[in-house]
Amino acid sequence: MKGFKVAVTDKLKVSWKKNAKASGYEVYYATAVDGKYKKLAAFKNNSKTSCSKALASGTYFVKMRPYVLSGKKKLYGSFTAAKEVAVP
């Protein structure tokens, strides 16, 4: 994913550049780089390029992946490298 960025203000904020071929995106986070990732957000129709969420203080790892729809089935692209962020 081009332009994949993670920042913290009062919330965790994730942003990216649109991929014209993608049907949507899924964003995940975990408390350890090799830990179990939970879905933070999912976006259909390639309509958004950012999301934010309030999380408890600590260190988080965030990654995302695009997908395209083939009929009713989602075909996933590769995950981005996980980015580490500290939430105060």
C-alpha atoms as a PDB file:
ATOM      1  CA  MET A   1       0.000   0.000   0.000  1.00  0.00           C
ATOM      2  CA  LYS A   2       1.419   3.326  -1.000  1.00  0.00           C
ATOM      3  CA  GLY A   3       1.368   6.128   1.513  1.00  0.00           C
ATOM      4  CA  PHE A   4       0.530   3.888   4.491  1.00  0.00           C
ATOM      5  CA  LYS A   5       1.002   6.015   7.621  1.00  0.00           C
ATOM      6  CA  VAL A   6       0.197   5.631  11.296  1.00  0.00           C
ATOM      7  CA  ALA A   7       0.091   8.561  13.732  1.00  0.00           C
ATOM      8  CA  VAL A   8      -1.213   9.347  17.198  1.00  0.00           C
ATOM      9  CA  THR A   9      -2.941  12.495  18.384  1.00  0.00           C
ATOM     10  CA  ASP A  10      -5.757  11.846  20.824  1.00  0.00           C
ATOM     11  CA  LYS A  11      -6.574   8.743  18.722  1.00  0.00           C
ATOM     12  CA  LEU A  12      -4.724   6.265  16.578  1.00  0.00           C
ATOM     13  CA  LYS A  13      -4.958   7.535  12.993  1.00  0.00           C
ATOM     14  CA  VAL A  14      -4.227   5.421   9.925  1.00  0.00           C
ATOM     15  CA  SER A  15      -4.086   6.870   6.406  1.00  0.00           C
ATOM     16  CA  TRP A  16      -3.156   5.607   2.933  1.00  0.00           C
ATOM     17  CA  LYS A  17      -3.310   6.480  -0.744  1.00  0.00           C
ATOM     18  CA  LYS A  18      -6.113   5.001  -2.824  1.00  0.00           C
ATOM     19  CA  ASN A  19      -5.390   2.053  -5.065  1.00  0.00           C
ATOM     20  CA  ALA A  20      -7.638   2.352  -8.119  1.00  0.00           C
ATOM     21  CA  LYS A  21      -7.811  -1.445  -8.479  1.00  0.00           C
ATOM     22  CA  ALA A  22      -8.884  -2.099  -4.868  1.00  0.00           C
ATOM     23  CA  SER A  23     -12.519  -2.697  -3.943  1.00  0.00           C
ATOM     24  CA  GLY A  24     -11.813  -1.947  -0.294  1.00  0.00           C
ATOM     25  CA  TYR A  25      -9.365  -2.155   2.605  1.00  0.00           C
ATOM     26  CA  GLU A  26      -9.052  -3.824   5.993  1.00  0.00           C
ATOM     27  CA  VAL A  27      -6.973  -2.347   8.832  1.00  0.00           C
ATOM     28  CA  TYR A  28      -5.707  -4.489  11.732  1.00  0.00           C
ATOM     29  CA  TYR A  29      -3.876  -3.869  15.020  1.00  0.00           C
ATOM     30  CA  ALA A  30      -2.131  -5.949  17.713  1.00  0.00           C
ATOM     31  CA  THR A  31      -0.131  -5.381  20.888  1.00  0.00           C
ATOM     32  CA  ALA A  32       2.832  -7.451  19.617  1.00  0.00           C
ATOM     33  CA  VAL A  33       4.312  -7.582  16.125  1.00  0.00           C
ATOM     34  CA  ASP A  34       3.798 -11.364  16.006  1.00  0.00           C
ATOM     35  CA  GLY A  35       0.619 -11.256  18.099  1.00  0.00           C
ATOM     36  CA  LYS A  36      -2.963 -11.902  17.140  1.00  0.00           C
ATOM     37  CA  TYR A  37      -4.262  -9.016  15.041  1.00  0.00           C
ATOM     38  CA  LYS A  38      -7.785  -7.637  15.496  1.00  0.00           C
ATOM     39  CA  LYS A  39      -9.698  -5.840  12.769  1.00  0.00           C
ATOM     40  CA  LEU A  40      -9.713  -2.110  13.439  1.00  0.00           C
ATOM     41  CA  ALA A  41     -11.798  -1.133  10.419  1.00  0.00           C
ATOM     42  CA  ALA A  42     -12.993  -2.277   7.003  1.00  0.00           C
ATOM     43  CA  PHE A  43     -13.903  -0.025   4.089  1.00  0.00           C
ATOM     44  CA  LYS A  44     -15.899  -0.960   0.999  1.00  0.00           C
ATOM     45  CA  ASN A  45     -15.950   0.703  -2.398  1.00  0.00           C
ATOM     46  CA  ASN A  46     -12.503   2.270  -2.041  1.00  0.00           C
ATOM     47  CA  SER A  47     -14.291   5.270  -0.508  1.00  0.00           C
ATOM     48  CA  LYS A  48     -12.035   6.251   2.399  1.00  0.00           C
ATOM     49  CA  THR A  49      -8.350   6.922   2.817  1.00  0.00           C
ATOM     50  CA  SER A  50      -8.122   7.196   6.610  1.00  0.00           C
ATOM     51  CA  CYS A  51      -9.596   5.987   9.869  1.00  0.00           C
ATOM     52  CA  SER A  52      -9.096   6.669  13.559  1.00  0.00           C
ATOM     53  CA  LYS A  53      -9.841   4.908  16.812  1.00  0.00           C
ATOM     54  CA  ALA A  54      -9.351   5.642  20.495  1.00  0.00           C
ATOM     55  CA  LEU A  55      -7.235   2.906  22.109  1.00  0.00           C
ATOM     56  CA  ALA A  56      -5.912   2.422  25.631  1.00  0.00           C
ATOM     57  CA  SER A  57      -2.368   3.628  26.222  1.00  0.00           C
ATOM     58  CA  GLY A  58       0.361   1.247  25.126  1.00  0.00           C
ATOM     59  CA  THR A  59       2.304   0.109  22.104  1.00  0.00           C
ATOM     60  CA  TYR A  60       0.425  -1.141  19.053  1.00  0.00           C
ATOM     61  CA  PHE A  61       1.346  -2.579  15.687  1.00  0.00           C
ATOM     62  CA  VAL A  62      -0.850  -1.650  12.740  1.00  0.00           C
ATOM     63  CA  LYS A  63      -1.053  -3.175   9.270  1.00  0.00           C
ATOM     64  CA  MET A  64      -3.535  -3.199   6.423  1.00  0.00           C
ATOM     65  CA  ARG A  65      -4.353  -4.936   3.160  1.00  0.00           C
ATOM     66  CA  PRO A  66      -6.454  -4.159   0.107  1.00  0.00           C
ATOM     67  CA  TYR A  67      -8.929  -6.523  -1.492  1.00  0.00           C
ATOM     68  CA  VAL A  68     -10.829  -6.846  -4.749  1.00  0.00           C
ATOM     69  CA  LEU A  69     -14.223  -8.479  -5.168  1.00  0.00           C
ATOM     70  CA  SER A  70     -14.590 -11.388  -7.536  1.00  0.00           C
ATOM     71  CA  GLY A  71     -18.307 -12.110  -7.517  1.00  0.00           C
ATOM     72  CA  LYS A  72     -19.091 -12.348  -3.791  1.00  0.00           C
ATOM     73  CA  LYS A  73     -15.595 -13.505  -2.854  1.00  0.00           C
ATOM     74  CA  LYS A  74     -12.853 -11.209  -1.522  1.00  0.00           C
ATOM     75  CA  LEU A  75      -9.402 -11.684  -3.019  1.00  0.00           C
ATOM     76  CA  TYR A  76      -6.859 -10.190  -0.634  1.00  0.00           C
ATOM     77  CA  GLY A  77      -3.642  -8.386  -1.452  1.00  0.00           C
ATOM     78  CA  SER A  78      -0.536  -8.614   0.691  1.00  0.00           C
ATOM     79  CA  PHE A  79      -0.381  -7.050   4.147  1.00  0.00           C
ATOM     80  CA  THR A  80       1.744  -3.976   4.600  1.00  0.00           C
ATOM     81  CA  ALA A  81       4.664  -4.254   6.981  1.00  0.00           C
ATOM     82  CA  ALA A  82       3.444  -3.665  10.532  1.00  0.00           C
ATOM     83  CA  LYS A  83       4.070  -0.153  11.840  1.00  0.00           C
ATOM     84  CA  GLU A  84       4.700   0.399  15.531  1.00  0.00           C
ATOM     85  CA  VAL A  85       3.022   3.271  17.349  1.00  0.00           C
ATOM     86  CA  ALA A  86       2.871   4.282  21.020  1.00  0.00           C
ATOM     87  CA  VAL A  87      -0.444   5.600  22.346  1.00  0.00           C
ATOM     88  CA  PRO A  88       0.112   7.827  25.415  1.00  0.00           C
END
